[in-house]
Amino acid sequence: MADRLQTLLRRKGVSAGDTIVLYGDKNNWWATYAFWVLRLFDMANLRIMDGGRARWVDEGRELSVETPASPSGDIVVGDRDDSRIHAFRDDILAHVEGKGHLIDVRSPEEFRGERLHMPDYPNEGALRGGHIPRARNVPWARAVDPDTHLFRSAAELRAIYQEEAGVSPDRPVITYCRIGERSSHTWFVLTCLLGFTECENYDGSWTE
């Protein structure tokens, strides 16, 4: 997989030493998923554009429909390492029995088992409703100010995750959603904005 990723990034013109800036819609949830995947390959020069495309549009900035052409890059992608930030099913089973935090970032309706997907989406994508035992529900989008599309301040984020949800930075944390994209957003918030050092994303999530 490292070879395939390297080929893709080189085709996009990425070279050694370049900084990759990621952004998207939906409060950057797919951007943070891409960020998480690139971190699996130990790529360090990564940034998320705070506010994503929505903020860019709100500020009246220029938009383009052209596909830029770039000369091939020379970036070298290292081996994938799942040991630090990627949780698997067996990790979850052990985590439930241990003393770590498990954060379900889906909507309250999904958490309560009333829906199998987010509100306003087709109610499909999972076999059963409910949540993993011991999980705490902190919907992913709470980390973003809905008016500005920007991430909330560190103080506001600590109030949500540490004071309200009781998540402690000195205990391991695993985030999950339905297929891992929304939970990558919370993983990014906890690790990159709040400095949690033991935090993994379970991309198999509720579907698995």
Protein backbone atom coordinates (compact mmCIF):
# COMPACT_ATOMS: atom_id res chain seq x y z
CA MET A 1 0.00 0.00 0.00
CA ALA A 2 2.91 2.38 0.64
CA ASP A 3 3.94 2.04 -3.01
CA ARG A 4 0.44 2.90 -4.19
CA LEU A 5 0.23 5.92 -1.91
CA GLN A 6 3.66 7.09 -3.01
CA THR A 7 2.64 6.79 -6.67
CA LEU A 8 -0.53 8.80 -6.02
CA LEU A 9 1.23 11.58 -4.14
CA ARG A 10 4.02 11.83 -6.71
CA ARG A 11 1.42 12.06 -9.47
CA LYS A 12 -0.09 15.00 -7.57
CA GLY A 13 3.29 16.72 -7.52
CA VAL A 14 4.19 16.14 -3.87
CA SER A 15 7.92 16.15 -3.14
CA ALA A 16 10.10 15.58 -0.10
CA GLY A 17 9.86 18.52 2.29
CA ASP A 18 6.52 19.74 0.96
CA THR A 19 3.73 20.63 3.35
CA ILE A 20 0.39 19.01 2.48
CA VAL A 21 -2.68 21.12 3.32
CA LEU A 22 -5.95 19.19 3.48
CA TYR A 23 -9.47 20.60 3.43
CA GLY A 24 -13.00 19.53 2.56
CA ASP A 25 -16.69 19.92 3.25
CA LYS A 26 -18.68 18.68 6.26
CA ASN A 27 -16.41 20.42 8.79
CA ASN A 28 -13.35 18.79 7.20
CA TRP A 29 -14.31 15.24 8.23
CA TRP A 30 -12.84 13.60 5.11
CA ALA A 31 -9.84 15.92 5.33
CA THR A 32 -9.11 14.64 8.83
CA TYR A 33 -9.56 11.08 7.59
CA ALA A 34 -6.93 11.70 4.90
CA PHE A 35 -4.74 13.30 7.59
CA TRP A 36 -5.09 10.19 9.75
CA VAL A 37 -4.29 7.84 6.85
CA LEU A 38 -1.17 9.83 5.94
CA ARG A 39 -0.08 9.74 9.58
CA LEU A 40 -0.24 5.93 9.42
CA PHE A 41 2.69 6.26 7.02
CA ASP A 42 4.49 8.60 9.43
CA MET A 43 4.08 11.67 7.24
CA ALA A 44 4.68 14.77 9.35
CA ASN A 45 4.30 17.87 7.16
CA LEU A 46 0.50 17.87 7.26
CA ARG A 47 -1.99 20.65 7.96
CA ILE A 48 -5.78 20.95 8.13
CA MET A 49 -7.21 24.20 6.73
CA ASP A 50 -9.35 25.37 9.64
CA GLY A 51 -12.90 26.07 8.47
CA GLY A 52 -12.60 23.98 5.32
CA ARG A 53 -14.25 24.95 2.06
CA ALA A 54 -17.28 26.42 3.84
CA ARG A 55 -15.16 29.05 5.58
CA TRP A 56 -13.32 29.79 2.34
CA VAL A 57 -16.67 30.41 0.60
CA ASP A 58 -18.03 32.50 3.49
CA GLU A 59 -15.00 34.77 3.24
CA GLY A 60 -15.68 35.34 -0.47
CA ARG A 61 -12.40 33.84 -1.62
CA GLU A 62 -11.72 32.79 -5.19
CA LEU A 63 -12.97 29.41 -6.42
CA SER A 64 -11.82 27.47 -9.47
CA VAL A 65 -13.11 24.52 -11.49
CA GLU A 66 -9.75 23.84 -13.14
CA THR A 67 -7.65 20.77 -12.42
CA PRO A 68 -4.08 21.98 -11.79
CA ALA A 69 -1.24 20.29 -13.64
CA SER A 70 1.90 19.63 -11.62
CA PRO A 71 5.24 18.04 -12.49
CA SER A 72 5.76 14.68 -10.84
CA GLY A 73 7.03 14.82 -7.27
CA ASP A 74 9.70 12.75 -5.57
CA ILE A 75 8.23 12.10 -2.12
CA VAL A 76 9.23 8.82 -0.46
CA VAL A 77 6.51 7.17 1.63
CA GLY A 78 7.63 4.96 4.50
CA ASP A 79 6.14 1.72 5.77
CA ARG A 80 2.72 1.80 7.35
CA ASP A 81 2.62 1.64 11.15
CA ASP A 82 -0.74 0.76 12.73
CA SER A 83 0.61 0.45 16.26
CA ARG A 84 0.21 4.07 17.39
CA ILE A 85 -3.04 5.49 16.03
CA HIS A 86 -5.06 2.62 14.52
CA ALA A 87 -7.35 0.41 16.60
CA PHE A 88 -8.73 -2.93 15.40
CA ARG A 89 -11.62 -5.06 16.62
CA ASP A 90 -9.54 -7.07 19.07
CA ASP A 91 -8.13 -3.83 20.47
CA ILE A 92 -11.69 -2.68 21.15
CA LEU A 93 -12.59 -5.92 22.90
CA ALA A 94 -9.59 -5.52 25.20
CA HIS A 95 -10.26 -1.83 25.65
CA VAL A 96 -13.84 -2.44 26.81
CA GLU A 97 -12.50 -4.67 29.58
CA GLY A 98 -9.75 -2.25 30.51
CA LYS A 99 -9.74 1.27 31.82
CA GLY A 100 -9.45 3.28 28.65
CA HIS A 101 -11.94 5.75 27.21
CA LEU A 102 -14.14 4.83 24.26
CA ILE A 103 -15.82 7.73 22.43
CA ASP A 104 -18.74 7.15 20.08
CA VAL A 105 -18.85 10.27 17.90
CA ARG A 106 -22.07 9.42 16.04
CA SER A 107 -25.37 11.23 16.44
CA PRO A 108 -27.40 10.62 19.63
CA GLU A 109 -30.00 8.80 17.51
CA GLU A 110 -27.38 6.33 16.28
CA PHE A 111 -25.94 5.97 19.77
CA ARG A 112 -29.40 5.13 21.17
CA GLY A 113 -30.00 2.58 18.41
CA GLU A 114 -32.83 4.53 16.79
CA ARG A 115 -30.96 4.94 13.50
CA LEU A 116 -28.31 3.04 11.52
CA HIS A 117 -26.91 6.17 9.85
CA MET A 118 -26.83 9.91 10.44
CA PRO A 119 -30.07 11.89 10.38
CA ASP A 120 -30.92 13.12 6.85
CA TYR A 121 -29.11 10.15 5.30
CA PRO A 122 -30.61 6.81 4.14
CA ASN A 123 -31.14 4.69 7.24
CA GLU A 124 -28.74 1.94 6.22
CA GLY A 125 -25.11 0.88 6.55
CA ALA A 126 -25.13 -1.26 9.70
CA LEU A 127 -26.77 -4.54 10.71
CA ARG A 128 -27.90 -3.48 14.18
CA GLY A 129 -28.46 -0.32 16.15
CA GLY A 130 -26.88 0.63 19.46
CA HIS A 131 -23.36 1.31 20.68
CA ILE A 132 -20.31 -0.47 22.08
CA PRO A 133 -20.59 -1.02 25.86
CA ARG A 134 -18.94 1.68 28.02
CA ALA A 135 -18.73 4.15 25.12
CA ARG A 136 -19.46 7.79 25.78
CA ASN A 137 -21.36 9.74 23.15
CA VAL A 138 -19.74 13.01 22.03
CA PRO A 139 -21.01 13.86 18.51
CA TRP A 140 -18.05 14.77 16.32
CA ALA A 141 -19.37 18.10 15.00
CA ARG A 142 -19.53 19.62 18.48
CA ALA A 143 -15.83 20.36 18.07
CA VAL A 144 -16.65 22.97 15.40
CA ASP A 145 -18.42 26.32 15.77
CA PRO A 146 -21.44 26.05 13.43
CA ASP A 147 -21.40 29.79 12.68
CA THR A 148 -17.73 30.19 11.76
CA HIS A 149 -16.95 26.58 10.71
CA LEU A 150 -13.74 26.89 12.74
CA PHE A 151 -12.56 24.49 15.42
CA ARG A 152 -13.60 25.63 18.87
CA SER A 153 -10.97 27.05 21.20
CA ALA A 154 -8.84 24.73 23.32
CA ALA A 155 -10.76 25.82 26.42
CA GLU A 156 -14.10 24.99 24.78
CA LEU A 157 -12.80 21.63 23.58
CA ARG A 158 -11.49 20.73 27.03
CA ALA A 159 -14.90 21.62 28.46
CA ILE A 160 -16.62 19.25 26.01
CA TYR A 161 -14.28 16.27 26.20
CA GLN A 162 -12.63 16.47 29.61
CA GLU A 163 -15.12 18.24 31.85
CA GLU A 164 -18.40 17.11 30.31
CA ALA A 165 -17.49 13.66 28.95
CA GLY A 166 -14.88 12.92 31.60
CA VAL A 167 -12.16 11.94 29.13
CA SER A 168 -8.73 12.13 30.69
CA PRO A 169 -5.53 12.68 28.65
CA ASP A 170 -3.60 10.30 30.90
CA ARG A 171 -5.73 7.30 29.87
CA PRO A 172 -5.88 5.63 26.43
CA VAL A 173 -8.68 6.83 24.15
CA ILE A 174 -10.27 5.14 21.12
CA THR A 175 -12.71 6.97 18.86
CA TYR A 176 -15.25 5.32 16.56
CA CYS A 177 -18.30 6.13 14.43
CA ARG A 178 -19.90 4.09 11.63
CA ILE A 179 -17.03 3.67 9.17
CA GLY A 180 -14.23 5.72 10.74
CA GLU A 181 -14.43 9.06 8.97
CA ARG A 182 -16.28 11.09 11.62
CA SER A 183 -14.18 9.51 14.35
CA SER A 184 -11.00 10.60 12.55
CA HIS A 185 -12.21 14.16 13.10
CA THR A 186 -12.45 13.61 16.87
CA TRP A 187 -9.11 11.79 16.80
CA PHE A 188 -7.58 14.88 15.17
CA VAL A 189 -9.13 17.17 17.78
CA LEU A 190 -7.87 15.09 20.70
CA THR A 191 -4.36 14.47 19.38
CA CYS A 192 -3.51 17.60 17.40
CA LEU A 193 -5.53 20.28 19.19
CA LEU A 194 -5.63 18.99 22.77
CA GLY A 195 -2.36 17.06 22.83
CA PHE A 196 -3.64 13.59 23.84
CA THR A 197 -0.74 11.18 23.38
CA GLU A 198 -2.58 7.84 23.53
CA CYS A 199 -5.46 8.11 21.08
CA GLU A 200 -6.45 5.72 18.29
CA ASN A 201 -9.13 5.74 15.61
CA TYR A 202 -11.14 2.56 15.08
CA ASP A 203 -11.99 2.75 11.39
CA GLY A 204 -13.86 -0.56 11.37
CA SER A 205 -16.21 1.23 13.78
CA TRP A 206 -19.85 0.32 14.32
CA THR A 207 -20.22 -1.31 10.89
CA GLU A 208 -17.62 -3.94 11.80
